């Protein structure tokens, strides 16, 4: 999946979830106020975030789980408010 200038917010679970070799490229997207992690990458998933912002998610801003999972972040803002 590729998304440009999108907002992923107020979901019950994770804002963006990639697993089992799936992937996403997010360009200038905002991932905020989700019920789980902002970005959750598992089982070899791959996510690239270029620009954009991750903020205010209930769990982690970014969680990569498993040895083959990969997250690349370039020029993005990350803030977690408690």
Protein backbone atom coordinates (compact mmCIF):
# COMPACT_ATOMS: atom_id res chain seq x y z
CA UNK A 1 0.00 0.00 0.00
CA UNK A 2 1.17 3.53 -0.66
CA UNK A 3 -0.54 6.54 0.89
CA UNK A 4 0.24 10.23 0.44
CA UNK A 5 -0.97 13.05 2.69
CA UNK A 6 -3.42 10.82 4.56
CA UNK A 7 -4.55 10.83 8.17
CA UNK A 8 -4.87 7.56 10.12
CA UNK A 9 -6.62 8.49 13.36
CA UNK A 10 -9.08 7.46 16.04
CA UNK A 11 -9.07 3.75 15.17
CA UNK A 12 -9.96 1.18 17.81
CA UNK A 13 -6.64 -0.65 17.31
CA UNK A 14 -3.37 0.19 15.49
CA UNK A 15 -3.29 3.06 13.02
CA UNK A 16 -1.21 1.15 10.45
CA UNK A 17 -0.51 -2.59 10.70
CA UNK A 18 1.80 -4.55 8.39
CA UNK A 19 2.65 -8.24 8.79
CA UNK A 20 3.72 -11.43 7.00
CA UNK A 21 5.73 -9.64 4.35
CA UNK A 22 3.12 -6.93 3.79
CA UNK A 23 4.17 -3.35 3.62
CA UNK A 24 3.28 0.28 3.36
CA UNK A 25 4.88 3.50 2.20
CA UNK A 26 3.45 6.56 3.93
CA UNK A 27 4.43 9.96 2.53
CA UNK A 28 3.59 13.08 4.57
CA UNK A 29 0.92 11.14 6.52
CA UNK A 30 -0.30 11.70 10.06
CA UNK A 31 -0.84 8.72 12.39
CA UNK A 32 -2.48 9.91 15.61
CA UNK A 33 -4.85 9.17 18.47
CA UNK A 34 -5.27 5.45 17.73
CA UNK A 35 -6.32 2.87 20.34
CA UNK A 36 -3.18 0.73 19.86
CA UNK A 37 0.20 1.49 18.28
CA UNK A 38 0.60 4.18 15.67
CA UNK A 39 2.60 1.83 13.42
CA UNK A 40 2.74 -1.89 14.27
CA UNK A 41 5.01 -3.99 12.06
CA UNK A 42 5.19 -7.75 12.64
CA UNK A 43 6.24 -10.99 10.97
CA UNK A 44 8.51 -9.49 8.35
CA UNK A 45 6.32 -6.51 7.46
CA UNK A 46 7.96 -3.35 6.15
CA UNK A 47 6.82 0.26 6.59
CA UNK A 48 8.46 3.43 5.30
CA UNK A 49 7.38 6.79 6.71
CA UNK A 50 8.63 9.86 4.81
CA UNK A 51 7.72 13.14 6.46
CA UNK A 52 4.52 13.27 8.44
CA UNK A 53 3.86 12.81 12.14
CA UNK A 54 3.11 10.10 14.71
CA UNK A 55 1.43 11.39 17.86
CA UNK A 56 -0.94 10.61 20.73
CA UNK A 57 -1.42 6.85 20.23
CA UNK A 58 -2.45 4.76 23.27
CA UNK A 59 0.43 2.27 22.96
CA UNK A 60 3.75 2.77 21.13
CA UNK A 61 4.25 5.32 18.41
CA UNK A 62 6.18 2.71 16.39
CA UNK A 63 6.49 -0.98 17.29
CA UNK A 64 8.50 -3.37 15.09
CA UNK A 65 8.26 -6.96 16.34
CA UNK A 66 10.26 -9.86 14.97
CA UNK A 67 13.70 -10.09 13.46
CA UNK A 68 12.60 -9.61 9.85
CA UNK A 69 10.34 -6.60 10.44
CA UNK A 70 11.61 -3.25 9.20
CA UNK A 71 10.57 0.37 9.76
CA UNK A 72 12.27 3.26 7.96
CA UNK A 73 11.54 6.81 9.13
CA UNK A 74 12.82 9.89 7.33
CA UNK A 75 12.15 13.49 8.40
CA UNK A 76 9.05 12.64 10.44
CA UNK A 77 7.87 14.02 13.77
CA UNK A 78 7.19 11.71 16.69
CA UNK A 79 5.63 12.76 19.96
CA UNK A 80 3.83 10.74 22.57
CA UNK A 81 1.82 12.63 25.15
CA UNK A 82 0.91 10.96 28.42
